[in-house]
Amino acid sequence: MKIGDWNDFQAFLAVARAGQLARASSAMGVDATTVGRRLRRLEARIGATLFEQTREGQILTEAGETMLAEVEAMEQAASRIDEQAAGIAGPTGLLRVSLSEGLASWIVAPVLGSFIETNPRLVVDLVASSGFLSPSKREADLAVTLSRPRAGPVIAGKLSDYSLRLYATPGYLSQNGLPDKPGELATGHRLVGYIPDLLYAPELRYLAEIWPDLSATVRSSSINAQHRLIAAGAGIGVLPCFVGDSDPALVPVLPDRRITRSFWLVTHKDTHNLSRVRAFKDWLTQLVANERERLLPA
């Protein structure tokens, strides 16, 4: 095959990992028509159908599953060649990192420029959204999740614990009263929190740990939006301490009632030793160590 055919294999990989033509084309930065054309060209060349179309998207056929293993091996070989070519010039290529919205916005993004300056040959994708991309499916090179993966070809380790507690504005508390006991939150207070059926991780269920049967009446799928709601006086809500303590407009409510969660650093076992992955992992680990007092305040 011609070297130029690698574009067709990249399209195949993107669809296999994304499960949908539209998501794959978005990830590749090309239109869906181009991705579809490359897939048809590849299928014609090998004489087999690689995907079955369903209502949910594209799923691999048996021939597609066989092809996936081979093309992933090609991709790993290409990555190793890139690594060798980089030599002392440093890591090169695309680095895609999936982080929780809070960690990305409040800890990583403000200082990510230092990593980029040290590694100027990298293109860095910082994916900060509700939900995580999966290293096991090669959707990201590295992810920080709220729980340790129980299966898949990944390597995972605890990055750090972090604390959360209730916050509100002094103005809200002067109008509605300062609760002295957790049970007082159940009556006479507006609670800000997540939308239950849009939770992307069970670790985001906070209010029940403060007091049984508490539920939010002002809700958002975004932790940053919840922060802005609380800061605007919409109610009392749970925030990571590295968010709430950073905002001088907020004060802790029932400060002794703390919740502890964990960040887990996850990489694929086949790519965790790539220089770009190691570089970001080392940088992030040091950053989190430096920010320990914000993550776990006394």
Protein backbone atom coordinates (compact mmCIF):
# COMPACT_ATOMS: atom_id res chain seq x y z
CA MET A 1 0.00 0.00 0.00
CA LYS A 2 1.02 3.57 -0.53
CA ILE A 3 2.23 5.63 2.41
CA GLY A 4 -0.58 8.12 1.77
CA ASP A 5 -3.09 5.41 2.72
CA TRP A 6 -2.28 6.11 6.40
CA ASN A 7 -4.99 8.79 6.32
CA ASP A 8 -7.53 6.04 5.63
CA PHE A 9 -6.30 4.05 8.60
CA GLN A 10 -6.50 7.12 10.82
CA ALA A 11 -10.11 7.60 9.78
CA PHE A 12 -10.80 3.97 10.60
CA LEU A 13 -9.21 4.34 14.05
CA ALA A 14 -11.17 7.50 14.79
CA VAL A 15 -14.53 5.90 13.95
CA ALA A 16 -13.68 2.69 15.81
CA ARG A 17 -12.89 4.68 18.95
CA ALA A 18 -15.64 7.28 18.73
CA GLY A 19 -18.40 4.91 17.63
CA GLN A 20 -19.95 7.61 15.46
CA LEU A 21 -18.91 9.18 12.19
CA ALA A 22 -19.76 12.70 13.39
CA ARG A 23 -17.73 12.41 16.60
CA ALA A 24 -14.81 10.90 14.69
CA SER A 25 -14.78 13.69 12.12
CA SER A 26 -14.90 16.29 14.88
CA ALA A 27 -11.95 14.67 16.64
CA MET A 28 -9.97 14.60 13.39
CA GLY A 29 -10.84 18.16 12.45
CA VAL A 30 -12.34 17.19 9.07
CA ASP A 31 -15.89 16.87 7.80
CA ALA A 32 -17.86 13.63 8.03
CA THR A 33 -17.95 13.29 4.23
CA THR A 34 -14.15 13.07 4.14
CA VAL A 35 -14.08 10.43 6.89
CA GLY A 36 -16.78 8.41 5.12
CA ARG A 37 -14.90 8.58 1.83
CA ARG A 38 -11.70 7.34 3.47
CA LEU A 39 -13.54 4.44 5.09
CA ARG A 40 -15.16 3.37 1.82
CA ARG A 41 -11.78 3.54 0.09
CA LEU A 42 -10.21 1.36 2.79
CA GLU A 43 -13.06 -1.17 2.66
CA ALA A 44 -12.80 -1.35 -1.13
CA ARG A 45 -9.06 -1.92 -0.91
CA ILE A 46 -9.29 -4.82 1.55
CA GLY A 47 -12.55 -6.21 0.19
CA ALA A 48 -14.41 -6.32 3.52
CA THR A 49 -16.98 -4.31 5.45
CA LEU A 50 -15.41 -2.83 8.59
CA PHE A 51 -18.45 -1.27 10.28
CA GLU A 52 -22.10 -2.06 10.75
CA GLN A 53 -24.45 0.93 10.82
CA THR A 54 -26.83 1.05 13.80
CA ARG A 55 -29.16 3.69 15.22
CA GLU A 56 -26.47 4.58 17.77
CA GLY A 57 -23.66 4.81 15.24
CA GLN A 58 -20.99 2.54 13.79
CA ILE A 59 -19.95 -0.77 15.39
CA LEU A 60 -17.07 -2.93 14.23
CA THR A 61 -17.71 -6.08 12.23
CA GLU A 62 -15.56 -9.16 12.78
CA ALA A 63 -13.29 -7.96 9.98
CA GLY A 64 -13.19 -4.55 11.65
CA GLU A 65 -12.15 -6.03 14.99
CA THR A 66 -9.28 -7.85 13.27
CA MET A 67 -8.29 -4.69 11.43
CA LEU A 68 -8.39 -2.63 14.65
CA ALA A 69 -5.71 -4.74 16.33
CA GLU A 70 -3.44 -4.44 13.31
CA VAL A 71 -3.92 -0.70 12.82
CA GLU A 72 -3.36 0.01 16.52
CA ALA A 73 -0.05 -1.82 16.22
CA MET A 74 0.79 0.41 13.24
CA GLU A 75 -0.13 3.48 15.27
CA GLN A 76 2.11 2.40 18.15
CA ALA A 77 4.98 1.84 15.73
CA ALA A 78 4.44 5.31 14.25
CA SER A 79 4.47 6.80 17.75
CA ARG A 80 7.76 5.08 18.54
CA ILE A 81 9.26 6.47 15.34
CA ASP A 82 8.10 9.96 16.34
CA GLU A 83 9.65 9.44 19.77
CA GLN A 84 12.99 8.46 18.28
CA ALA A 85 12.90 11.33 15.80
CA ALA A 86 12.17 13.81 18.58
CA GLY A 87 15.40 12.82 20.36
CA ILE A 88 16.72 15.62 22.51
CA ALA A 89 14.30 18.10 20.94
CA GLY A 90 11.62 16.88 23.34
CA PRO A 91 8.17 15.31 22.96
CA THR A 92 6.24 15.95 19.78
CA GLY A 93 2.78 15.28 18.38
CA LEU A 94 -0.72 15.53 19.83
CA LEU A 95 -1.34 15.13 23.56
CA ARG A 96 -5.01 14.82 24.56
CA VAL A 97 -5.81 15.06 28.25
CA SER A 98 -9.25 14.50 29.80
CA LEU A 99 -9.86 16.17 33.17
CA SER A 100 -12.82 17.02 35.33
CA GLU A 101 -14.11 20.52 34.74
CA GLY A 102 -13.11 21.76 38.18
CA LEU A 103 -9.57 20.39 38.13
CA ALA A 104 -8.99 21.63 34.59
CA SER A 105 -10.37 25.13 35.20
CA TRP A 106 -9.04 25.89 38.67
CA ILE A 107 -5.79 23.94 38.97
CA VAL A 108 -4.42 23.02 35.54
CA ALA A 109 -5.45 25.70 33.02
CA PRO A 110 -4.04 28.69 34.97
CA VAL A 111 -0.51 27.25 34.80
CA LEU A 112 -0.65 25.03 31.70
CA GLY A 113 1.38 27.64 29.85
CA SER A 114 4.48 26.56 31.74
CA PHE A 115 4.13 23.01 30.42
CA ILE A 116 3.56 24.26 26.88
CA GLU A 117 6.62 26.53 27.04
CA THR A 118 8.75 23.58 28.15
CA ASN A 119 7.32 21.34 25.43
CA PRO A 120 6.80 23.64 22.43
CA ARG A 121 6.62 20.79 19.89
CA LEU A 122 3.43 19.39 21.43
CA VAL A 123 -0.15 20.17 20.44
CA VAL A 124 -2.14 19.96 23.69
CA ASP A 125 -5.87 19.21 23.83
CA LEU A 126 -7.31 19.93 27.29
CA VAL A 127 -10.71 18.23 27.37
CA ALA A 128 -12.65 19.62 30.34
CA SER A 129 -16.26 18.52 30.18
CA SER A 130 -19.01 16.64 31.98
CA GLY A 131 -17.71 13.11 31.60
CA PHE A 132 -14.31 11.68 30.81
CA LEU A 133 -12.68 10.45 27.64
CA SER A 134 -11.36 6.93 27.95
CA PRO A 135 -7.66 6.06 27.66
CA SER A 136 -8.67 2.40 27.31
CA LYS A 137 -10.50 3.29 24.08
CA ARG A 138 -7.64 5.61 23.02
CA GLU A 139 -9.96 8.63 23.23
CA ALA A 140 -7.33 10.38 25.36
CA ASP A 141 -3.66 9.88 26.15
CA LEU A 142 -4.25 10.55 29.82
CA ALA A 143 -7.32 11.07 32.00
CA VAL A 144 -7.92 12.09 35.59
CA THR A 145 -11.05 10.34 36.82
CA LEU A 146 -12.98 10.28 40.10
CA SER A 147 -12.66 6.53 40.59
CA ARG A 148 -10.14 3.83 39.75
CA PRO A 149 -11.04 1.94 36.54
CA ARG A 150 -11.98 -1.65 37.31
CA ALA A 151 -11.18 -3.08 33.90
CA GLY A 152 -9.47 -2.35 30.62
CA PRO A 153 -5.89 -2.14 29.35
CA VAL A 154 -4.98 0.83 31.55
CA ILE A 155 -2.54 1.82 34.28
CA ALA A 156 -4.11 3.81 37.11
CA GLY A 157 -2.83 5.37 40.30
CA LYS A 158 -4.16 7.82 42.83
CA LEU A 159 -3.17 11.38 42.01
CA SER A 160 -4.55 13.01 45.14
CA ASP A 161 -7.44 13.21 47.54
CA TYR A 162 -9.35 16.48 47.70
CA SER A 163 -11.91 18.03 50.02
CA LEU A 164 -15.32 19.58 49.40
CA ARG A 165 -17.71 21.47 51.65
CA LEU A 166 -20.73 23.76 51.62
CA TYR A 167 -20.44 27.42 50.59
CA ALA A 168 -22.72 30.42 50.32
CA THR A 169 -22.48 34.20 50.13
CA PRO A 170 -22.80 36.35 53.26
CA GLY A 171 -25.75 38.07 51.57
CA TYR A 172 -27.65 34.81 51.13
CA LEU A 173 -26.96 33.80 54.73
CA SER A 174 -28.08 37.18 56.11
CA GLN A 175 -31.40 36.80 54.31
CA ASN A 176 -32.00 33.10 54.95
CA GLY A 177 -30.08 32.39 58.12
CA LEU A 178 -26.90 30.48 58.89
CA PRO A 179 -27.66 26.80 59.52
CA ASP A 180 -26.12 25.43 62.71
CA LYS A 181 -26.94 21.79 61.99
CA PRO A 182 -27.06 19.78 58.75
CA GLY A 183 -30.75 19.01 59.20
CA GLU A 184 -31.59 22.71 58.98
CA LEU A 185 -30.61 22.65 55.31
CA ALA A 186 -33.74 20.62 54.55
CA THR A 187 -36.10 23.51 55.28
CA GLY A 188 -35.86 27.18 54.46
CA HIS A 189 -32.79 26.93 52.21
CA ARG A 190 -32.19 26.70 48.49
CA LEU A 191 -29.59 24.08 47.61
CA VAL A 192 -27.41 24.21 44.48
CA GLY A 193 -26.16 20.95 42.98
CA TYR A 194 -25.96 18.57 40.06
CA ILE A 195 -28.84 17.37 37.90
CA PRO A 196 -29.31 13.77 39.18
CA ASP A 197 -30.02 12.08 35.85
CA LEU A 198 -27.08 13.83 34.19
CA LEU A 199 -24.44 12.76 36.70
CA TYR A 200 -21.48 11.25 34.86
CA ALA A 201 -19.98 9.71 38.02
CA PRO A 202 -21.59 8.47 41.26
CA GLU A 203 -18.86 10.26 43.22
CA LEU A 204 -20.67 13.53 42.41
CA ARG A 205 -23.57 12.65 44.74
CA TYR A 206 -22.65 14.93 47.63
CA LEU A 207 -25.74 16.22 49.41
CA ALA A 208 -26.83 12.87 50.86
CA GLU A 209 -23.51 12.73 52.71
CA ILE A 210 -24.32 16.03 54.38
CA TRP A 211 -27.83 14.98 55.48
CA PRO A 212 -30.14 12.18 54.28
CA ASP A 213 -32.64 13.04 51.54
CA LEU A 214 -31.24 16.50 50.80
CA SER A 215 -31.86 17.48 47.18
CA ALA A 216 -30.90 20.47 45.08
CA THR A 217 -33.56 22.81 43.72
CA VAL A 218 -31.13 24.91 41.64
CA ARG A 219 -29.25 22.47 39.43
CA SER A 220 -26.58 22.37 36.74
CA SER A 221 -24.41 19.74 35.06
CA SER A 222 -21.43 22.14 35.33
CA ILE A 223 -19.42 22.69 38.51
CA ASN A 224 -18.34 26.09 37.21
CA ALA A 225 -21.97 27.08 36.65
CA GLN A 226 -22.79 25.86 40.18
CA HIS A 227 -19.98 28.01 41.53
CA ARG A 228 -21.35 31.06 39.72
CA LEU A 229 -24.86 30.33 40.99
CA ILE A 230 -23.64 30.09 44.59
CA ALA A 231 -21.51 33.23 44.20
CA ALA A 232 -24.57 35.06 42.86
CA GLY A 233 -26.54 34.20 45.99
CA ALA A 234 -28.78 31.53 44.46
CA GLY A 235 -28.31 29.17 47.40
CA ILE A 236 -25.97 26.94 49.38
CA GLY A 237 -23.99 24.31 47.54
CA VAL A 238 -21.09 21.87 47.73
CA LEU A 239 -17.88 22.92 45.99
CA PRO A 240 -14.34 21.57 45.99
CA CYS A 241 -12.34 23.57 48.51
CA PHE A 242 -9.91 24.58 45.77
CA VAL A 243 -12.85 26.34 44.13
CA GLY A 244 -14.79 27.71 47.11
CA ASP A 245 -11.78 28.89 49.10
CA SER A 246 -10.43 30.71 46.04
CA ASP A 247 -13.50 32.96 45.84
CA PRO A 248 -13.48 35.78 48.44
CA ALA A 249 -17.21 36.26 47.86
CA LEU A 250 -17.97 32.89 49.46
CA VAL A 251 -17.87 31.66 53.06
CA PRO A 252 -17.97 28.07 54.31
CA VAL A 253 -21.24 26.75 55.74
CA LEU A 254 -21.03 24.00 58.40
CA PRO A 255 -17.27 23.96 57.81
CA ASP A 256 -16.76 20.78 59.86
CA ARG A 257 -18.90 18.79 57.43
CA ARG A 258 -16.33 17.87 54.80
CA ILE A 259 -16.49 15.39 51.97
CA THR A 260 -13.41 13.66 50.59
CA ARG A 261 -13.00 12.42 47.05
CA SER A 262 -10.03 11.23 44.98
CA PHE A 263 -8.47 11.99 41.62
CA TRP A 264 -7.09 8.97 39.71
CA LEU A 265 -4.50 9.29 36.96
CA VAL A 266 -5.20 6.87 34.10
CA THR A 267 -3.14 6.02 31.01
CA HIS A 268 -3.24 3.23 28.44
CA LYS A 269 -0.73 0.47 29.14
CA ASP A 270 0.58 0.58 25.56
CA THR A 271 1.27 4.32 25.50
CA HIS A 272 2.06 5.29 29.10
CA ASN A 273 5.80 5.28 28.34
CA LEU A 274 5.58 7.66 25.39
CA SER A 275 7.61 10.76 26.16
CA ARG A 276 4.66 13.13 25.72
CA VAL A 277 2.57 11.12 28.18
CA ARG A 278 5.40 10.82 30.69
CA ALA A 279 6.13 14.54 30.43
CA PHE A 280 2.58 15.58 31.22
CA LYS A 281 2.17 12.95 33.92
CA ASP A 282 5.32 14.18 35.70
CA TRP A 283 4.28 17.81 35.33
CA LEU A 284 0.77 17.18 36.61
CA THR A 285 1.98 15.10 39.55
CA GLN A 286 4.31 17.89 40.64
CA LEU A 287 1.60 20.51 40.16
CA VAL A 288 -0.84 18.59 42.34
CA ALA A 289 1.83 18.15 45.02
CA ASN A 290 2.44 21.90 44.96
CA GLU A 291 -1.32 22.56 45.28
CA ARG A 292 -1.89 20.12 48.13
CA GLU A 293 -2.95 22.84 50.60
CA ARG A 294 -5.69 23.97 48.19
CA LEU A 295 -6.83 20.43 47.54
CA LEU A 296 -6.78 19.36 51.19
CA PRO A 297 -6.90 22.49 53.36
CA ALA A 298 -6.34 22.09 57.10
